[in-house]
Protein backbone atom coordinates (compact mmCIF):
# COMPACT_ATOMS: atom_id res chain seq x y z
CA UNK A 1 -14.52 352.87 232.91
CA UNK A 2 -13.26 350.34 230.30
CA UNK A 3 -13.00 351.47 226.54
CA UNK A 4 -15.14 349.12 224.66
CA UNK A 5 -15.54 349.25 220.75
CA UNK A 6 -19.01 348.15 219.73
CA UNK A 7 -19.50 345.96 216.59
CA UNK A 8 -22.96 345.59 215.28
CA UNK A 9 -24.42 345.72 211.72
CA UNK A 10 -24.87 348.91 209.86
CA UNK A 11 -25.20 348.73 206.21
CA UNK A 12 -28.14 347.18 204.50
CA UNK A 13 -30.05 347.02 201.38
CA UNK A 14 -32.93 349.35 202.38
CA UNK A 15 -33.35 352.48 204.33
CA UNK A 16 -35.67 350.79 206.77
CA UNK A 17 -33.02 348.08 207.42
CA UNK A 18 -30.35 350.87 208.19
CA UNK A 19 -32.77 352.49 210.51
CA UNK A 20 -33.27 349.29 212.33
CA UNK A 21 -29.45 348.80 212.68
CA UNK A 22 -29.04 352.24 213.96
CA UNK A 23 -31.66 351.62 216.58
CA UNK A 24 -29.96 348.34 217.54
CA UNK A 25 -26.59 350.05 217.75
CA UNK A 26 -27.92 352.65 220.04
CA UNK A 27 -29.43 349.85 222.18
CA UNK A 28 -25.97 348.26 222.19
CA UNK A 29 -24.25 351.50 223.39
CA UNK A 30 -27.07 351.76 226.17
CA UNK A 31 -26.09 348.09 227.05
CA UNK A 32 -22.45 349.08 227.26
CA UNK A 33 -23.07 352.14 229.45
CA UNK A 34 -25.48 350.17 231.83
CA UNK A 35 -22.40 347.82 232.38
CA UNK A 36 -20.36 350.92 233.20
CA UNK A 37 -18.23 350.90 230.17
CA UNK A 38 -17.15 353.80 227.75
CA UNK A 39 -18.27 352.55 224.45
CA UNK A 40 -17.64 353.75 220.95
CA UNK A 41 -19.72 352.77 217.96
CA UNK A 42 -17.76 354.44 215.20
CA UNK A 43 -20.25 353.32 212.67
CA UNK A 44 -22.94 355.51 214.32
CA UNK A 45 -20.41 358.48 214.62
CA UNK A 46 -19.08 358.64 211.26
CA UNK A 47 -22.17 357.91 209.36
CA UNK A 48 -24.07 361.11 210.48
CA UNK A 49 -25.02 363.36 207.87
CA UNK A 50 -22.20 365.77 206.93
CA UNK A 51 -19.42 363.45 208.17
CA UNK A 52 -19.01 360.46 205.76
CA UNK A 53 -21.36 358.61 203.72
CA UNK A 54 -21.28 354.81 203.98
CA UNK A 55 -22.55 354.26 200.35
CA UNK A 56 -19.56 355.74 199.10
CA UNK A 57 -16.78 353.33 199.05
CA UNK A 58 -13.73 355.50 199.78
CA UNK A 59 -15.61 357.34 202.55
CA UNK A 60 -16.76 353.92 204.09
CA UNK A 61 -13.25 352.92 203.97
CA UNK A 62 -11.94 356.03 205.61
CA UNK A 63 -14.41 355.70 208.40
CA UNK A 64 -13.46 351.97 209.08
CA UNK A 65 -9.97 352.82 209.20
CA UNK A 66 -10.90 355.65 211.67
CA UNK A 67 -12.66 353.32 213.85
CA UNK A 68 -10.26 350.82 213.59
CA UNK A 69 -7.50 353.07 214.94
CA UNK A 70 -9.63 353.63 217.99
CA UNK A 71 -10.04 349.75 218.20
CA UNK A 72 -6.37 349.33 218.71
CA UNK A 73 -6.52 351.36 222.06
CA UNK A 74 -9.77 349.73 223.19
CA UNK A 75 -9.99 347.38 226.10
CA UNK A 76 -12.70 345.22 224.83
CA UNK A 77 -14.65 344.52 221.56
CA UNK A 78 -18.12 343.72 222.14
CA UNK A 79 -19.72 342.07 219.35
CA UNK A 80 -23.61 342.28 219.31
CA UNK A 81 -24.88 339.41 217.49
CA UNK A 82 -28.77 339.50 217.40
CA UNK A 83 -28.81 340.79 213.94
CA UNK A 84 -26.05 338.64 212.57
CA UNK A 85 -22.39 339.30 212.00
CA UNK A 86 -21.48 341.50 208.98
CA UNK A 87 -18.49 341.74 206.92
CA UNK A 88 -17.41 345.12 208.54
CA UNK A 89 -17.96 343.52 211.91
CA UNK A 90 -15.61 340.49 211.15
CA UNK A 91 -13.12 343.27 210.05
CA UNK A 92 -13.34 345.02 213.37
CA UNK A 93 -13.18 341.63 215.27
CA UNK A 94 -9.80 340.85 212.95
CA UNK A 95 -8.39 344.28 214.16
CA UNK A 96 -9.03 343.76 217.75
CA UNK A 97 -7.59 340.21 217.77
CA UNK A 98 -4.55 341.56 215.86
CA UNK A 99 -3.96 343.91 218.57
CA UNK A 100 -4.64 341.45 221.40
CA UNK A 101 -7.87 343.28 222.38
CA UNK A 102 -10.29 340.80 224.22
CA UNK A 103 -13.53 340.05 222.20
CA UNK A 104 -16.91 339.39 223.83
CA UNK A 105 -19.83 338.32 222.04
CA UNK A 106 -23.17 339.63 223.33
CA UNK A 107 -26.96 339.68 222.65
CA UNK A 108 -29.92 342.02 223.69
CA UNK A 109 -32.68 340.17 225.13
CA UNK A 110 -35.15 342.87 224.80
CA UNK A 111 -34.39 344.33 221.38
CA UNK A 112 -37.43 344.24 219.00
CA UNK A 113 -36.33 344.41 215.30
């Protein structure tokens, strides 16, 4: 299975938008798994209660650095664009590009926001 870093939006202005972004990221993981890939969405893993708080800047930065460390060994960065491309996603794309990891842009035809 190829290791795939998943880029999708997380942070948002409201709790409802964050929940939508979490549902979307989960759908992105499902899409990767259906493709036979081994995906990681670090923004879902590290923002779980009791791990890191995305609203606290140093914790957000720590989580992003941890996710980017995994990006360096990924075989693909899958960028899911249905909800746009956030600043954090651009950062992930940049890390992948720096380490010569392929980047693929994807959409989910059946996701309902």
